[in-house]
Amino acid sequence: MTFSATPAPRGSATKKRILEAADELFYEHGIKNVSIEDVVERASTTRMTLYRHFSSKDDLAVSFLQRRSADDRRTVESLTARAAGNGTEALMLLASAIGLETSAPSFRGCPFLSAAGGFRDPDHPVRRVVDDHRAWYRGMVLRLVRAAGVRDPAGTTDRIVMLRDGAMVRGYLGNATGRFTSIERAMQALLADGSPAPAGTASP
C-alpha cells in the first residue's frame, strides 16, 4: 500500500525557494556582497513575499548559516558512525571529507570563515551563529582526538582546526592538484605526533 505525501503549504515551498536562492548567492559572492534585490530576482519572488518569511537580510543570513551548519553536522554524524567509535579512523575520514569538499570545482571557501570576516561584532546574530558553529566543530574534533588517545588532546585539536581552516583557504585560492592526499597526510602526521609513547619508553 502506498500513501501520498501531504503537500507542503505554499508558504513553505516559497520560503525554501528563497532560502535556496540566498544560499547560492551568499556562498558564491559573500553575504555582504548580496542585496535583497539579488535574492528576490534569483528566487523569482517579490520583496513583500521575502519579508513575509524573513524579517531582514540578517535573518536570511542567519538561516543560511544555520542550514550550512546542519549539513556539516549530518556529515560528521555519518562519518563517525562509519568509524564505529574509532577516533583515529573518524579523524581520517574527516580529513578525507575536507579534501573532497575543497577539491570540488564549485568550492568557494568556508561560509563561516567568510561570514566571520564580514561580521566582527560578537553580538551580531550572524556572528553568533558563526561562533556557535566553530565551538561545535572544535568540541567535535576534541571528542574524536580524545577517543584516538593522543597525549595532548587540546593542542592536537587546535592544530587540526588550523589544518581544516588552512585547507579551506587553500581550497579557494590554490590549485586542487594533490590537495586530497596532502590533507590526509597532514592529519596522519598530527595524530602520529600526538600518539602515546610505547609502554616502557622513557619520556624526553
Protein backbone atom coordinates (compact mmCIF):
# COMPACT_ATOMS: atom_id res chain seq x y z
CA MET A 1 0.00 0.00 0.00
CA THR A 2 1.31 3.44 -0.86
CA PHE A 3 0.44 6.77 0.63
CA SER A 4 0.65 10.18 -0.98
CA ALA A 5 2.71 12.70 0.93
CA THR A 6 0.75 15.66 2.22
CA PRO A 7 1.67 18.65 0.06
CA ALA A 8 3.64 21.29 1.92
CA PRO A 9 1.87 24.62 2.32
CA ARG A 10 2.69 27.01 -0.49
CA GLY A 11 4.34 29.33 2.01
CA SER A 12 6.79 26.59 2.99
CA ALA A 13 7.76 25.96 -0.62
CA THR A 14 8.24 29.67 -1.20
CA LYS A 15 10.37 30.07 1.91
CA LYS A 16 12.52 27.13 0.83
CA ARG A 17 12.98 28.62 -2.64
CA ILE A 18 14.03 31.96 -1.16
CA LEU A 19 16.49 30.29 1.21
CA GLU A 20 17.97 28.19 -1.58
CA ALA A 21 18.43 31.31 -3.71
CA ALA A 22 20.09 33.12 -0.81
CA ASP A 23 22.29 30.09 -0.12
CA GLU A 24 23.59 30.09 -3.69
CA LEU A 25 24.24 33.83 -3.74
CA PHE A 26 25.69 34.17 -0.24
CA TYR A 27 28.03 31.24 -0.80
CA GLU A 28 29.19 32.38 -4.21
CA HIS A 29 29.56 36.10 -3.52
CA GLY A 30 29.60 36.54 0.27
CA ILE A 31 26.77 37.80 2.45
CA LYS A 32 27.91 41.43 2.38
CA ASN A 33 28.04 41.48 -1.42
CA VAL A 34 24.48 40.27 -1.98
CA SER A 35 21.43 42.53 -1.77
CA ILE A 36 17.83 41.67 -1.02
CA GLU A 37 17.08 42.58 -4.64
CA ASP A 38 19.57 39.94 -5.79
CA VAL A 39 17.82 37.27 -3.73
CA VAL A 40 14.37 38.38 -4.89
CA GLU A 41 15.47 38.13 -8.51
CA ARG A 42 17.15 34.73 -8.10
CA ALA A 43 14.13 33.33 -6.25
CA SER A 44 11.65 34.80 -8.75
CA THR A 45 9.64 36.38 -5.97
CA THR A 46 8.88 39.83 -4.55
CA ARG A 47 10.30 41.86 -1.68
CA MET A 48 6.95 41.66 0.10
CA THR A 49 6.95 37.88 -0.12
CA LEU A 50 10.55 37.62 1.05
CA TYR A 51 9.88 39.82 4.08
CA ARG A 52 6.84 37.72 4.89
CA HIS A 53 9.23 34.83 5.57
CA PHE A 54 12.40 36.62 6.70
CA SER A 55 12.31 39.80 8.75
CA SER A 56 15.58 41.17 7.36
CA LYS A 57 18.67 40.31 5.36
CA ASP A 58 20.38 39.42 8.64
CA ASP A 59 17.57 36.98 9.40
CA LEU A 60 18.06 35.41 5.98
CA ALA A 61 21.83 35.21 6.53
CA VAL A 62 21.32 33.52 9.90
CA SER A 63 19.04 30.93 8.26
CA PHE A 64 21.63 30.36 5.53
CA LEU A 65 24.39 29.66 8.06
CA GLN A 66 22.16 27.52 10.25
CA ARG A 67 21.34 25.43 7.20
CA ARG A 68 25.03 25.03 6.37
CA SER A 69 25.80 24.12 9.99
CA ALA A 70 23.09 21.44 9.97
CA ASP A 71 24.60 20.00 6.78
CA ASP A 72 28.04 19.84 8.41
CA ARG A 73 26.64 18.11 11.49
CA ARG A 74 24.90 15.49 9.38
CA THR A 75 28.15 14.83 7.51
CA VAL A 76 30.06 14.40 10.77
CA GLU A 77 27.39 12.11 12.21
CA SER A 78 27.65 9.94 9.11
CA LEU A 79 31.43 9.61 9.15
CA THR A 80 31.63 9.00 12.91
CA ALA A 81 29.02 6.26 12.53
CA ARG A 82 31.21 4.69 9.83
CA ALA A 83 34.19 4.80 12.19
CA ALA A 84 32.21 2.89 14.84
CA GLY A 85 33.85 4.58 17.82
CA ASN A 86 37.41 4.58 16.45
CA GLY A 87 38.64 8.14 16.94
CA THR A 88 41.62 7.82 14.62
CA GLU A 89 39.50 6.37 11.84
CA ALA A 90 36.89 9.10 12.30
CA LEU A 91 39.54 11.83 12.05
CA MET A 92 40.99 10.30 8.90
CA LEU A 93 37.50 10.17 7.40
CA LEU A 94 37.09 13.82 8.40
CA ALA A 95 40.34 14.67 6.60
CA SER A 96 39.10 12.84 3.50
CA ALA A 97 35.81 14.74 3.63
CA ILE A 98 37.66 18.06 3.88
CA GLY A 99 39.85 17.08 0.93
CA LEU A 100 36.84 16.09 -1.14
CA GLU A 101 34.96 19.30 -0.31
CA THR A 102 37.85 21.65 -1.02
CA SER A 103 38.72 19.90 -4.29
CA ALA A 104 35.24 20.33 -5.77
CA PRO A 105 35.06 22.74 -8.75
CA SER A 106 32.14 24.55 -7.09
CA PHE A 107 34.05 25.14 -3.83
CA ARG A 108 34.06 28.81 -2.82
CA GLY A 109 35.63 28.64 0.62
CA CYS A 110 34.19 28.19 4.08
CA PRO A 111 30.96 30.19 4.53
CA PHE A 112 31.65 30.56 8.25
CA LEU A 113 35.14 31.98 7.80
CA SER A 114 33.76 34.30 5.13
CA ALA A 115 30.94 35.46 7.40
CA ALA A 116 33.32 35.96 10.33
CA GLY A 117 35.31 38.43 8.25
CA GLY A 118 32.23 40.45 7.43
CA PHE A 119 30.57 40.43 10.85
CA ARG A 120 33.09 41.24 13.56
CA ASP A 121 30.67 42.33 16.28
CA PRO A 122 30.43 39.27 18.60
CA ASP A 123 26.85 40.21 19.47
CA HIS A 124 25.64 40.34 15.89
CA PRO A 125 23.18 37.48 15.15
CA VAL A 126 25.23 36.31 12.16
CA ARG A 127 28.46 36.28 14.17
CA ARG A 128 26.77 34.34 16.98
CA VAL A 129 25.83 31.58 14.53
CA VAL A 130 29.42 31.52 13.27
CA ASP A 131 30.84 31.30 16.79
CA ASP A 132 28.34 28.61 17.81
CA HIS A 133 29.29 26.54 14.78
CA ARG A 134 33.00 26.98 15.44
CA ALA A 135 32.53 25.95 19.07
CA TRP A 136 30.61 22.85 17.99
CA TYR A 137 33.29 21.95 15.44
CA ARG A 138 36.14 22.26 17.92
CA GLY A 139 34.22 20.27 20.52
CA MET A 140 33.53 17.54 17.98
CA VAL A 141 37.21 17.32 17.00
CA LEU A 142 38.27 17.29 20.66
CA ARG A 143 35.99 14.32 21.37
CA LEU A 144 37.45 12.40 18.42
CA VAL A 145 41.02 13.29 19.43
CA ARG A 146 40.39 12.03 22.95
CA ALA A 147 38.92 8.84 21.52
CA ALA A 148 42.11 8.45 19.47
CA GLY A 149 44.14 8.53 22.71
CA VAL A 150 46.64 11.26 21.85
CA ARG A 151 48.85 12.76 24.56
CA ASP A 152 47.84 16.40 24.11
CA PRO A 153 44.16 16.45 23.16
CA ALA A 154 43.68 20.22 23.39
CA GLY A 155 46.84 21.08 21.46
CA THR A 156 46.19 18.45 18.80
CA THR A 157 42.61 19.70 18.44
CA ASP A 158 43.83 23.26 17.89
CA ARG A 159 46.23 22.06 15.19
CA ILE A 160 43.54 20.02 13.44
CA VAL A 161 41.18 23.01 13.41
CA MET A 162 44.01 25.10 11.97
CA LEU A 163 44.60 22.40 9.35
CA ARG A 164 40.94 22.50 8.40
CA ASP A 165 40.88 26.31 8.21
CA GLY A 166 44.04 26.38 6.13
CA ALA A 167 42.63 23.75 3.78
CA MET A 168 39.51 25.87 3.32
CA VAL A 169 41.55 28.92 2.37
CA ARG A 170 43.90 26.98 0.11
CA GLY A 171 40.93 25.24 -1.49
CA TYR A 172 39.52 28.59 -2.54
CA LEU A 173 42.78 30.22 -3.63
CA GLY A 174 45.01 27.41 -4.81
CA ASN A 175 45.20 24.56 -7.27
CA ALA A 176 43.29 21.40 -6.32
CA THR A 177 46.09 19.09 -7.50
CA GLY A 178 47.30 16.89 -4.65
CA ARG A 179 45.09 18.59 -2.08
CA PHE A 180 43.20 15.44 -1.12
CA THR A 181 46.30 13.42 -0.19
CA SER A 182 48.04 16.45 1.36
CA ILE A 183 45.27 16.89 3.92
CA GLU A 184 45.21 13.19 4.76
CA ARG A 185 48.99 13.13 5.22
CA ALA A 186 48.86 16.22 7.42
CA MET A 187 46.19 14.61 9.60
CA GLN A 188 48.27 11.43 9.88
CA ALA A 189 51.29 13.49 10.93
CA LEU A 190 49.32 15.37 13.59
CA LEU A 191 47.94 12.16 15.05
CA ALA A 192 51.32 10.42 14.94
CA ASP A 193 52.94 13.38 16.68
CA GLY A 194 50.39 13.17 19.47
CA SER A 195 50.34 9.39 19.80
CA PRO A 196 51.15 7.99 23.24
CA ALA A 197 54.70 6.73 23.64
CA PRO A 198 55.02 2.92 23.61
CA ALA A 199 54.98 1.28 27.03
CA GLY A 200 58.41 1.31 28.64
CA THR A 201 59.69 4.23 26.53
CA ALA A 202 61.35 6.96 28.57
CA SER A 203 59.86 10.43 28.25
CA PRO A 204 62.19 13.01 26.66
